[in-house]
Each structure stands twice: as structure tokens, then as C-alpha cells.
N, C-alpha and C. Protein backbone atom coordinates (compact mmCIF):
# COMPACT_ATOMS: atom_id res chain seq x y z
N MET A 1 0.82 -54.76 53.01
CA MET A 1 1.37 -54.07 54.16
C MET A 1 1.29 -55.00 55.34
N SER A 2 2.32 -55.08 56.13
CA SER A 2 2.33 -56.02 57.25
C SER A 2 1.55 -55.45 58.41
N ASP A 3 1.19 -56.36 59.34
CA ASP A 3 0.43 -55.94 60.51
C ASP A 3 1.25 -55.06 61.44
N ARG A 4 2.57 -55.16 61.35
CA ARG A 4 3.41 -54.38 62.24
C ARG A 4 3.34 -52.89 61.95
N THR A 5 3.07 -52.54 60.70
CA THR A 5 3.03 -51.12 60.35
C THR A 5 1.62 -50.56 60.46
N ALA A 6 0.62 -51.43 60.62
CA ALA A 6 -0.75 -50.96 60.72
C ALA A 6 -0.99 -50.36 62.11
N THR A 7 -2.02 -49.55 62.21
CA THR A 7 -2.34 -48.96 63.50
C THR A 7 -2.93 -50.03 64.39
N PRO A 8 -2.65 -49.99 65.71
CA PRO A 8 -3.17 -51.02 66.61
C PRO A 8 -4.69 -50.98 66.68
N ARG A 9 -5.31 -52.17 66.77
CA ARG A 9 -6.76 -52.27 66.86
C ARG A 9 -7.18 -52.19 68.31
N ARG A 10 -8.27 -51.53 68.55
CA ARG A 10 -8.80 -51.43 69.92
C ARG A 10 -9.86 -52.51 70.10
N THR A 11 -9.81 -53.13 71.25
CA THR A 11 -10.77 -54.19 71.51
C THR A 11 -12.03 -53.67 72.18
N SER A 12 -11.92 -52.63 72.92
CA SER A 12 -13.11 -52.07 73.56
C SER A 12 -13.07 -50.56 73.46
N GLY A 13 -14.22 -49.94 73.55
CA GLY A 13 -14.31 -48.50 73.38
C GLY A 13 -13.77 -47.73 74.55
N ASP A 14 -13.73 -48.32 75.75
CA ASP A 14 -13.27 -47.58 76.92
C ASP A 14 -11.80 -47.83 77.24
N GLU A 15 -11.05 -48.50 76.33
CA GLU A 15 -9.61 -48.73 76.54
C GLU A 15 -8.88 -47.40 76.40
N PRO A 16 -7.94 -47.11 77.26
CA PRO A 16 -7.24 -45.82 77.17
C PRO A 16 -6.44 -45.74 75.87
N ALA A 17 -6.20 -44.50 75.41
CA ALA A 17 -5.50 -44.27 74.15
C ALA A 17 -4.07 -44.78 74.22
N ARG A 18 -3.45 -44.69 75.37
CA ARG A 18 -2.08 -45.18 75.54
C ARG A 18 -2.11 -46.44 76.38
N ARG A 19 -1.65 -47.53 75.74
CA ARG A 19 -1.60 -48.79 76.47
C ARG A 19 -0.24 -48.94 77.11
N SER A 20 -0.16 -49.89 77.98
CA SER A 20 1.10 -50.12 78.68
C SER A 20 2.11 -50.72 77.71
N LEU A 21 3.36 -50.63 78.09
CA LEU A 21 4.43 -51.19 77.28
C LEU A 21 4.27 -52.69 77.12
N THR A 22 3.82 -53.35 78.14
CA THR A 22 3.63 -54.81 78.08
C THR A 22 2.57 -55.16 77.05
N GLY A 23 1.49 -54.41 77.03
CA GLY A 23 0.43 -54.68 76.06
C GLY A 23 0.89 -54.46 74.63
N ARG A 24 1.62 -53.40 74.42
CA ARG A 24 2.14 -53.14 73.07
C ARG A 24 3.13 -54.19 72.64
N LEU A 25 4.00 -54.64 73.55
CA LEU A 25 4.96 -55.70 73.23
C LEU A 25 4.24 -57.00 72.90
N GLN A 26 3.19 -57.34 73.64
CA GLN A 26 2.45 -58.56 73.36
C GLN A 26 1.78 -58.49 72.00
N ASP A 27 1.20 -57.33 71.67
CA ASP A 27 0.59 -57.18 70.35
C ASP A 27 1.62 -57.32 69.24
N THR A 28 2.78 -56.68 69.41
CA THR A 28 3.83 -56.74 68.40
C THR A 28 4.32 -58.17 68.23
N LEU A 29 4.54 -58.88 69.34
CA LEU A 29 5.01 -60.26 69.25
C LEU A 29 3.96 -61.17 68.63
N SER A 30 2.70 -60.97 68.95
CA SER A 30 1.66 -61.81 68.35
C SER A 30 1.53 -61.54 66.86
N ASN A 31 1.64 -60.28 66.45
CA ASN A 31 1.60 -59.96 65.02
C ASN A 31 2.78 -60.57 64.29
N ALA A 32 3.97 -60.54 64.91
CA ALA A 32 5.14 -61.14 64.29
C ALA A 32 4.98 -62.65 64.19
N ALA A 33 4.41 -63.27 65.22
CA ALA A 33 4.20 -64.72 65.18
C ALA A 33 3.19 -65.09 64.10
N GLU A 34 2.12 -64.30 63.95
CA GLU A 34 1.15 -64.57 62.89
C GLU A 34 1.78 -64.43 61.51
N GLU A 35 2.59 -63.41 61.33
CA GLU A 35 3.26 -63.22 60.05
C GLU A 35 4.24 -64.36 59.78
N HIS A 36 4.93 -64.83 60.80
CA HIS A 36 5.86 -65.94 60.64
C HIS A 36 5.11 -67.21 60.26
N ARG A 37 3.99 -67.48 60.92
CA ARG A 37 3.18 -68.65 60.59
C ARG A 37 2.67 -68.56 59.16
N ALA A 38 2.25 -67.37 58.72
CA ALA A 38 1.74 -67.21 57.37
C ALA A 38 2.84 -67.46 56.34
N ASN A 39 4.06 -67.02 56.62
CA ASN A 39 5.17 -67.28 55.70
C ASN A 39 5.57 -68.74 55.72
N ALA A 40 5.51 -69.41 56.87
CA ALA A 40 5.90 -70.81 56.98
C ALA A 40 4.88 -71.73 56.34
N ASP A 41 3.59 -71.36 56.35
CA ASP A 41 2.53 -72.21 55.80
C ASP A 41 2.36 -72.04 54.30
N SER A 42 3.25 -71.35 53.67
CA SER A 42 3.12 -71.11 52.23
C SER A 42 3.18 -72.44 51.48
N LYS A 43 2.27 -72.63 50.52
CA LYS A 43 2.19 -73.88 49.75
C LYS A 43 3.19 -73.91 48.60
N ALA A 44 3.63 -72.75 48.13
CA ALA A 44 4.54 -72.70 46.99
C ALA A 44 5.94 -73.13 47.43
N PRO A 45 6.65 -73.91 46.60
CA PRO A 45 8.00 -74.32 46.96
C PRO A 45 8.94 -73.12 46.94
N ARG A 46 9.90 -73.13 47.83
CA ARG A 46 10.84 -72.02 47.91
C ARG A 46 11.77 -72.03 46.72
N GLY A 47 12.11 -70.84 46.23
CA GLY A 47 13.08 -70.70 45.16
C GLY A 47 12.49 -70.86 43.77
N ASN A 48 11.22 -71.15 43.64
CA ASN A 48 10.62 -71.31 42.33
C ASN A 48 9.56 -70.25 42.16
N ARG A 49 9.94 -69.15 41.58
CA ARG A 49 9.01 -68.03 41.45
C ARG A 49 8.00 -68.26 40.34
N ALA A 50 8.33 -69.10 39.36
CA ALA A 50 7.43 -69.30 38.23
C ALA A 50 6.18 -70.07 38.66
N ARG A 51 6.28 -70.95 39.67
CA ARG A 51 5.16 -71.75 40.09
C ARG A 51 4.37 -71.09 41.21
N ARG A 52 4.76 -69.91 41.64
CA ARG A 52 4.08 -69.22 42.72
C ARG A 52 2.71 -68.74 42.25
N ALA A 53 1.77 -68.78 43.12
CA ALA A 53 0.42 -68.35 42.76
C ALA A 53 0.44 -66.87 42.38
N SER A 54 -0.35 -66.53 41.35
CA SER A 54 -0.31 -65.17 40.84
C SER A 54 -0.92 -64.17 41.81
N GLY A 55 -1.82 -64.59 42.69
CA GLY A 55 -2.46 -63.68 43.61
C GLY A 55 -1.63 -63.38 44.85
N ARG A 56 -0.56 -64.11 45.06
CA ARG A 56 0.26 -63.94 46.26
C ARG A 56 1.17 -62.73 46.12
N GLN A 57 1.28 -61.98 47.17
CA GLN A 57 2.15 -60.80 47.17
C GLN A 57 3.61 -61.24 47.28
N PRO A 58 4.54 -60.46 46.74
CA PRO A 58 5.96 -60.81 46.86
C PRO A 58 6.42 -60.73 48.31
N ARG A 59 7.36 -61.58 48.65
CA ARG A 59 7.91 -61.57 50.01
C ARG A 59 8.76 -60.33 50.22
N ARG A 60 8.74 -59.86 51.44
CA ARG A 60 9.53 -58.67 51.79
C ARG A 60 10.36 -58.97 53.03
N ALA A 61 11.53 -58.38 53.07
CA ALA A 61 12.40 -58.52 54.23
C ALA A 61 12.84 -57.13 54.66
N ARG A 62 12.70 -56.85 55.93
CA ARG A 62 13.14 -55.57 56.47
C ARG A 62 14.47 -55.78 57.16
N LEU A 63 15.49 -55.09 56.67
CA LEU A 63 16.84 -55.22 57.22
C LEU A 63 17.29 -53.88 57.76
N ARG A 64 18.16 -53.93 58.75
CA ARG A 64 18.69 -52.71 59.34
C ARG A 64 20.20 -52.75 59.25
N LEU A 65 20.78 -51.72 58.63
CA LEU A 65 22.23 -51.60 58.50
C LEU A 65 22.75 -50.88 59.74
N THR A 66 23.33 -51.66 60.65
CA THR A 66 23.76 -51.07 61.93
C THR A 66 25.26 -50.90 62.04
N ARG A 67 26.03 -51.54 61.16
CA ARG A 67 27.49 -51.40 61.25
C ARG A 67 28.11 -51.58 59.87
N ILE A 68 29.09 -50.74 59.59
CA ILE A 68 29.88 -50.84 58.36
C ILE A 68 31.32 -51.08 58.78
N ASP A 69 31.95 -52.07 58.19
CA ASP A 69 33.33 -52.40 58.56
C ASP A 69 34.28 -51.33 58.00
N PRO A 70 34.95 -50.56 58.85
CA PRO A 70 35.85 -49.50 58.36
C PRO A 70 37.01 -50.03 57.53
N TRP A 71 37.50 -51.22 57.83
CA TRP A 71 38.61 -51.79 57.06
C TRP A 71 38.17 -52.05 55.62
N SER A 72 36.98 -52.60 55.43
CA SER A 72 36.47 -52.85 54.08
C SER A 72 36.22 -51.53 53.34
N VAL A 73 35.71 -50.55 54.06
CA VAL A 73 35.49 -49.24 53.44
C VAL A 73 36.82 -48.63 53.01
N MET A 74 37.85 -48.78 53.84
CA MET A 74 39.15 -48.21 53.50
C MET A 74 39.73 -48.88 52.26
N LYS A 75 39.65 -50.21 52.19
CA LYS A 75 40.19 -50.92 51.02
C LYS A 75 39.44 -50.54 49.75
N THR A 76 38.10 -50.49 49.84
CA THR A 76 37.30 -50.15 48.67
C THR A 76 37.55 -48.70 48.24
N ALA A 77 37.59 -47.79 49.19
CA ALA A 77 37.83 -46.38 48.86
C ALA A 77 39.22 -46.19 48.26
N PHE A 78 40.20 -46.92 48.77
CA PHE A 78 41.56 -46.83 48.22
C PHE A 78 41.58 -47.27 46.76
N LEU A 79 40.97 -48.41 46.48
CA LEU A 79 40.97 -48.91 45.10
C LEU A 79 40.20 -47.99 44.15
N LEU A 80 39.06 -47.49 44.61
CA LEU A 80 38.29 -46.58 43.75
C LEU A 80 39.01 -45.25 43.53
N SER A 81 39.67 -44.74 44.56
CA SER A 81 40.38 -43.47 44.38
C SER A 81 41.64 -43.65 43.52
N VAL A 82 42.30 -44.81 43.60
CA VAL A 82 43.42 -45.08 42.69
C VAL A 82 42.92 -45.14 41.25
N ALA A 83 41.79 -45.80 41.04
CA ALA A 83 41.21 -45.85 39.69
C ALA A 83 40.85 -44.46 39.19
N PHE A 84 40.29 -43.64 40.07
CA PHE A 84 39.96 -42.26 39.71
C PHE A 84 41.22 -41.47 39.37
N GLY A 85 42.30 -41.67 40.12
CA GLY A 85 43.57 -40.98 39.84
C GLY A 85 44.16 -41.39 38.51
N VAL A 86 44.09 -42.68 38.19
CA VAL A 86 44.62 -43.16 36.90
C VAL A 86 43.79 -42.58 35.75
N VAL A 87 42.49 -42.58 35.91
CA VAL A 87 41.62 -42.01 34.86
C VAL A 87 41.91 -40.53 34.68
N THR A 88 42.11 -39.80 35.77
CA THR A 88 42.43 -38.37 35.67
C THR A 88 43.76 -38.15 34.96
N PHE A 89 44.76 -38.94 35.32
CA PHE A 89 46.08 -38.80 34.70
C PHE A 89 46.01 -39.07 33.20
N VAL A 90 45.33 -40.14 32.81
CA VAL A 90 45.21 -40.49 31.39
C VAL A 90 44.41 -39.44 30.63
N ALA A 91 43.36 -38.91 31.26
CA ALA A 91 42.55 -37.88 30.59
C ALA A 91 43.35 -36.61 30.36
N ILE A 92 44.13 -36.18 31.33
CA ILE A 92 44.96 -34.98 31.16
C ILE A 92 46.02 -35.22 30.09
N PHE A 93 46.62 -36.41 30.09
CA PHE A 93 47.60 -36.73 29.06
C PHE A 93 46.98 -36.67 27.68
N MET A 94 45.78 -37.22 27.52
CA MET A 94 45.12 -37.21 26.21
C MET A 94 44.78 -35.78 25.77
N VAL A 95 44.26 -34.97 26.69
CA VAL A 95 43.91 -33.58 26.34
C VAL A 95 45.14 -32.81 25.92
N TRP A 96 46.24 -32.95 26.68
CA TRP A 96 47.46 -32.21 26.34
C TRP A 96 48.05 -32.70 25.02
N SER A 97 47.96 -33.98 24.75
CA SER A 97 48.45 -34.51 23.47
C SER A 97 47.64 -33.99 22.30
N VAL A 98 46.34 -33.95 22.46
CA VAL A 98 45.47 -33.45 21.38
C VAL A 98 45.73 -31.96 21.15
N LEU A 99 45.88 -31.19 22.23
CA LEU A 99 46.17 -29.77 22.07
C LEU A 99 47.51 -29.54 21.38
N GLY A 100 48.51 -30.36 21.70
CA GLY A 100 49.81 -30.23 21.05
C GLY A 100 49.74 -30.62 19.58
N ALA A 101 49.02 -31.70 19.26
CA ALA A 101 48.89 -32.14 17.87
C ALA A 101 48.07 -31.15 17.04
N ALA A 102 47.15 -30.45 17.66
CA ALA A 102 46.33 -29.48 16.94
C ALA A 102 47.07 -28.17 16.69
N GLY A 103 48.23 -27.98 17.29
CA GLY A 103 49.01 -26.77 17.07
C GLY A 103 48.57 -25.60 17.93
N VAL A 104 47.90 -25.86 19.02
CA VAL A 104 47.42 -24.79 19.89
C VAL A 104 48.60 -24.04 20.50
N TRP A 105 49.63 -24.78 20.93
CA TRP A 105 50.78 -24.14 21.59
C TRP A 105 51.55 -23.25 20.61
N ASP A 106 51.70 -23.69 19.36
CA ASP A 106 52.39 -22.87 18.36
C ASP A 106 51.61 -21.60 18.05
N SER A 107 50.29 -21.70 17.97
CA SER A 107 49.51 -20.49 17.67
C SER A 107 49.50 -19.53 18.86
N ILE A 108 49.54 -20.05 20.08
CA ILE A 108 49.65 -19.17 21.25
C ILE A 108 51.01 -18.48 21.25
N ASN A 109 52.07 -19.23 20.94
CA ASN A 109 53.41 -18.63 20.87
C ASN A 109 53.48 -17.53 19.82
N SER A 110 52.92 -17.75 18.65
CA SER A 110 52.98 -16.73 17.58
C SER A 110 52.12 -15.52 17.94
N ALA A 111 50.98 -15.73 18.61
CA ALA A 111 50.13 -14.60 19.00
C ALA A 111 50.82 -13.76 20.06
N VAL A 112 51.45 -14.39 21.04
CA VAL A 112 52.16 -13.65 22.08
C VAL A 112 53.37 -12.93 21.48
N ALA A 113 54.08 -13.57 20.55
CA ALA A 113 55.25 -12.95 19.91
C ALA A 113 54.83 -11.72 19.11
N SER A 114 53.72 -11.79 18.41
CA SER A 114 53.28 -10.63 17.62
C SER A 114 52.84 -9.48 18.52
N ILE A 115 52.32 -9.80 19.70
CA ILE A 115 51.88 -8.74 20.61
C ILE A 115 53.08 -8.12 21.32
N VAL A 116 54.02 -8.95 21.81
CA VAL A 116 55.13 -8.47 22.63
C VAL A 116 56.20 -7.81 21.77
N GLU A 117 56.64 -8.46 20.73
CA GLU A 117 57.77 -7.98 19.94
C GLU A 117 57.37 -7.05 18.81
N GLY A 118 56.15 -7.11 18.40
CA GLY A 118 55.74 -6.26 17.28
C GLY A 118 56.21 -6.85 15.97
N ASP A 119 56.94 -6.01 15.16
CA ASP A 119 57.38 -6.44 13.83
C ASP A 119 58.76 -7.05 13.81
N SER A 120 59.50 -7.00 14.89
CA SER A 120 60.87 -7.52 14.87
C SER A 120 60.89 -9.03 14.70
N GLY A 121 59.94 -9.78 15.32
CA GLY A 121 59.80 -11.21 15.08
C GLY A 121 60.78 -12.09 15.79
N ASN A 122 61.61 -11.56 16.70
CA ASN A 122 62.57 -12.42 17.40
C ASN A 122 62.17 -12.55 18.88
N SER A 123 61.12 -13.32 19.13
CA SER A 123 60.61 -13.51 20.48
C SER A 123 61.16 -14.81 21.06
N THR A 124 61.45 -14.77 22.34
CA THR A 124 61.94 -15.96 23.03
C THR A 124 60.85 -16.60 23.89
N PHE A 125 59.65 -16.11 23.79
CA PHE A 125 58.54 -16.64 24.60
C PHE A 125 58.10 -18.00 24.08
N ASP A 126 57.94 -18.96 25.02
CA ASP A 126 57.42 -20.28 24.68
C ASP A 126 56.45 -20.70 25.78
N ILE A 127 55.19 -20.91 25.40
CA ILE A 127 54.15 -21.25 26.37
C ILE A 127 54.41 -22.58 27.05
N THR A 128 55.09 -23.49 26.37
CA THR A 128 55.35 -24.81 26.96
C THR A 128 56.36 -24.75 28.11
N ASP A 129 57.07 -23.63 28.24
CA ASP A 129 57.93 -23.46 29.41
C ASP A 129 57.10 -23.31 30.68
N TYR A 130 55.87 -22.83 30.55
CA TYR A 130 55.00 -22.60 31.69
C TYR A 130 53.97 -23.70 31.89
N VAL A 131 53.36 -24.15 30.81
CA VAL A 131 52.34 -25.20 30.89
C VAL A 131 52.70 -26.36 29.96
N GLY A 132 53.91 -26.81 30.04
CA GLY A 132 54.34 -27.95 29.24
C GLY A 132 53.75 -29.25 29.77
N MET A 133 53.88 -30.29 28.95
CA MET A 133 53.29 -31.56 29.32
C MET A 133 53.91 -32.14 30.59
N SER A 134 55.22 -32.02 30.74
CA SER A 134 55.86 -32.59 31.93
C SER A 134 55.41 -31.89 33.21
N ARG A 135 55.24 -30.58 33.16
CA ARG A 135 54.77 -29.84 34.34
C ARG A 135 53.33 -30.18 34.67
N VAL A 136 52.49 -30.22 33.66
CA VAL A 136 51.07 -30.49 33.89
C VAL A 136 50.88 -31.92 34.38
N LEU A 137 51.57 -32.89 33.79
CA LEU A 137 51.44 -34.27 34.24
C LEU A 137 52.02 -34.47 35.64
N GLY A 138 53.09 -33.76 35.96
CA GLY A 138 53.63 -33.82 37.32
C GLY A 138 52.65 -33.27 38.34
N PHE A 139 52.02 -32.14 38.01
CA PHE A 139 51.01 -31.56 38.90
C PHE A 139 49.80 -32.48 39.02
N THR A 140 49.40 -33.09 37.90
CA THR A 140 48.27 -34.02 37.92
C THR A 140 48.59 -35.24 38.78
N LEU A 141 49.80 -35.74 38.70
CA LEU A 141 50.20 -36.88 39.51
C LEU A 141 50.19 -36.51 41.00
N LEU A 142 50.67 -35.33 41.33
CA LEU A 142 50.66 -34.86 42.71
C LEU A 142 49.23 -34.75 43.24
N VAL A 143 48.34 -34.16 42.45
CA VAL A 143 46.94 -34.01 42.86
C VAL A 143 46.27 -35.37 42.98
N SER A 144 46.59 -36.30 42.09
CA SER A 144 46.00 -37.64 42.15
C SER A 144 46.44 -38.39 43.41
N VAL A 145 47.71 -38.28 43.77
CA VAL A 145 48.19 -38.94 44.99
C VAL A 145 47.53 -38.33 46.22
N LEU A 146 47.40 -37.00 46.26
CA LEU A 146 46.71 -36.36 47.38
C LEU A 146 45.24 -36.78 47.45
N ASP A 147 44.59 -36.90 46.29
CA ASP A 147 43.20 -37.36 46.26
C ASP A 147 43.07 -38.78 46.79
N VAL A 148 44.01 -39.65 46.44
CA VAL A 148 43.95 -41.03 46.93
C VAL A 148 44.03 -41.04 48.45
N VAL A 149 44.95 -40.29 49.01
CA VAL A 149 45.12 -40.26 50.46
C VAL A 149 43.89 -39.64 51.13
N LEU A 150 43.43 -38.50 50.62
CA LEU A 150 42.31 -37.80 51.25
C LEU A 150 41.00 -38.57 51.12
N LEU A 151 40.71 -39.10 49.94
CA LEU A 151 39.46 -39.83 49.76
C LEU A 151 39.42 -41.10 50.60
N THR A 152 40.55 -41.78 50.72
CA THR A 152 40.61 -42.98 51.56
C THR A 152 40.39 -42.62 53.02
N ALA A 153 41.04 -41.57 53.48
CA ALA A 153 40.89 -41.15 54.88
C ALA A 153 39.46 -40.66 55.17
N ILE A 154 38.89 -39.90 54.26
CA ILE A 154 37.54 -39.37 54.48
C ILE A 154 36.52 -40.50 54.48
N ALA A 155 36.66 -41.47 53.58
CA ALA A 155 35.71 -42.59 53.55
C ALA A 155 35.81 -43.43 54.82
N THR A 156 37.02 -43.67 55.29
CA THR A 156 37.19 -44.45 56.51
C THR A 156 36.63 -43.70 57.71
N LEU A 157 36.90 -42.43 57.80
CA LEU A 157 36.35 -41.62 58.88
C LEU A 157 34.82 -41.60 58.82
N THR A 158 34.27 -41.54 57.64
CA THR A 158 32.81 -41.57 57.49
C THR A 158 32.23 -42.90 57.98
N ALA A 159 32.93 -44.00 57.73
CA ALA A 159 32.46 -45.30 58.22
C ALA A 159 32.46 -45.32 59.75
N PHE A 160 33.52 -44.79 60.36
CA PHE A 160 33.56 -44.72 61.83
C PHE A 160 32.42 -43.85 62.37
N LEU A 161 32.19 -42.71 61.74
CA LEU A 161 31.12 -41.82 62.19
C LEU A 161 29.74 -42.45 62.00
N TYR A 162 29.57 -43.18 60.90
CA TYR A 162 28.29 -43.87 60.70
C TYR A 162 28.07 -44.91 61.79
N ASN A 163 29.11 -45.66 62.13
CA ASN A 163 28.97 -46.67 63.18
C ASN A 163 28.60 -46.04 64.52
N LEU A 164 29.17 -44.88 64.81
CA LEU A 164 28.81 -44.19 66.05
C LEU A 164 27.35 -43.73 66.02
N ALA A 165 26.94 -43.15 64.90
CA ALA A 165 25.56 -42.67 64.78
C ALA A 165 24.58 -43.84 64.78
N ALA A 166 24.93 -44.95 64.14
CA ALA A 166 24.04 -46.11 64.10
C ALA A 166 23.91 -46.74 65.48
N ALA A 167 24.96 -46.67 66.28
CA ALA A 167 24.87 -47.20 67.64
C ALA A 167 23.87 -46.38 68.47
N LEU A 168 23.78 -45.10 68.20
CA LEU A 168 22.85 -44.25 68.93
C LEU A 168 21.44 -44.27 68.35
N LEU A 169 21.34 -44.27 67.03
CA LEU A 169 20.05 -44.09 66.37
C LEU A 169 19.47 -45.37 65.78
N GLY A 170 20.26 -46.41 65.66
CA GLY A 170 19.72 -47.67 65.16
C GLY A 170 20.05 -47.99 63.72
N GLY A 171 20.65 -47.13 62.98
CA GLY A 171 21.05 -47.44 61.62
C GLY A 171 19.98 -47.12 60.59
N ILE A 172 20.22 -47.59 59.38
CA ILE A 172 19.31 -47.35 58.26
C ILE A 172 18.50 -48.62 58.03
N GLU A 173 17.19 -48.48 57.88
CA GLU A 173 16.33 -49.63 57.63
C GLU A 173 16.04 -49.72 56.14
N VAL A 174 16.24 -50.93 55.59
CA VAL A 174 16.04 -51.17 54.16
C VAL A 174 15.01 -52.28 54.02
N THR A 175 14.07 -52.13 53.10
CA THR A 175 13.09 -53.18 52.82
C THR A 175 13.41 -53.78 51.47
N LEU A 176 13.68 -55.08 51.45
CA LEU A 176 13.97 -55.80 50.22
C LEU A 176 12.72 -56.58 49.82
N ALA A 177 12.43 -56.63 48.53
CA ALA A 177 11.23 -57.34 48.07
C ALA A 177 11.59 -58.21 46.87
N GLU A 178 10.85 -59.30 46.72
CA GLU A 178 11.02 -60.19 45.57
C GLU A 178 10.47 -59.53 44.32
N ASP A 179 10.97 -59.96 43.16
CA ASP A 179 10.38 -59.53 41.91
C ASP A 179 8.98 -60.11 41.80
N GLU A 180 8.11 -59.41 41.08
CA GLU A 180 6.73 -59.86 40.96
C GLU A 180 6.52 -60.76 39.75
N LYS A 181 7.56 -61.23 39.12
CA LYS A 181 7.43 -62.05 37.91
C LYS A 181 6.80 -63.36 38.18
């Protein structure tokens, strides 16, 4: 654990609980300088983890994500939503093909004909007139295009909103650490 996250040490018993801003800044800067010196004085060569001493702790870096490029988010969201639309279209095509090859539509037609017409057997009902492959794939294509537009717009808007919130609140802090191998 770094000295920056530890509680401040008191030098005397009669020091007030709240120190001045200048004192806190000096302590923080001195702790950062000590940590920097400790990292710079490392005897192990950089980039060679196998030769690093086994007792040494892995290096850590604290990063803050303060801005996301909306243009990059828009391009990435567009490509991912197009891929999602293609996968959806292919999946619906495969399901409808399997249902047609299994004879589901013919058995639905015969069941409806036996219920509606009775024993006469001359029914004009065909389920594929209502949920045929061309209608379902057309509807799927329409929904996929709308999803591409909406997902791209929502992701871009989210990037703008994140940038506004990060400007006010400071962003998300991430701690990266080396492997311990």
C-alpha cells in the first residue's frame, strides 16, 4: 500500500486534528517524492520480470480516465451494432429455415384447416401468408437498421455525458498492477 493512501502521521500530540492545506500538500508531495525515489532506485532492470527479486512487490500505476473521445465511441458502436444486426439477421434466417424444413408450417396449416373447415377439407388458409420468410426477414432487417442507428446514437451520447460528468467529478480511477510472476 502506498504512503498516499495511508493515514497521515502526527508529529506531536498537541497538533490540531485538521491541518492547513499547505501542510497537507507538503506531506502529499513529500510522500510522492519518496515513492518516486524508491521506484527510481530499483536495482532490477526494467522490462525483465524473471530477474526481479522475489520479495519485491509488483509495480502499480494509478490512472484516471477523464475523457472519452466521442468520435471513437461512435465508430466502435457503429461497427459493433452492425455486427449485432448481421448476427440477428442470420440467426432469424436459420431459425425460419429450420422450422420450414421440419414441416412446422405445414402442420400448422393442416391443424388450422381441420379446425376451421371441419370435414370438408378445402381450406385456403396458409400461415406463410402472415409469417412467411420474406416478411419476417424484412421486419428483422428493419429492426436491425433501427438498432444500428439507435445504439450508435446512444453510445455517442453516453460518451458526451461521461465527459461532462468527468469534468465535474474527476473521472474513473483505475489501478494497474504488474503480474507477480
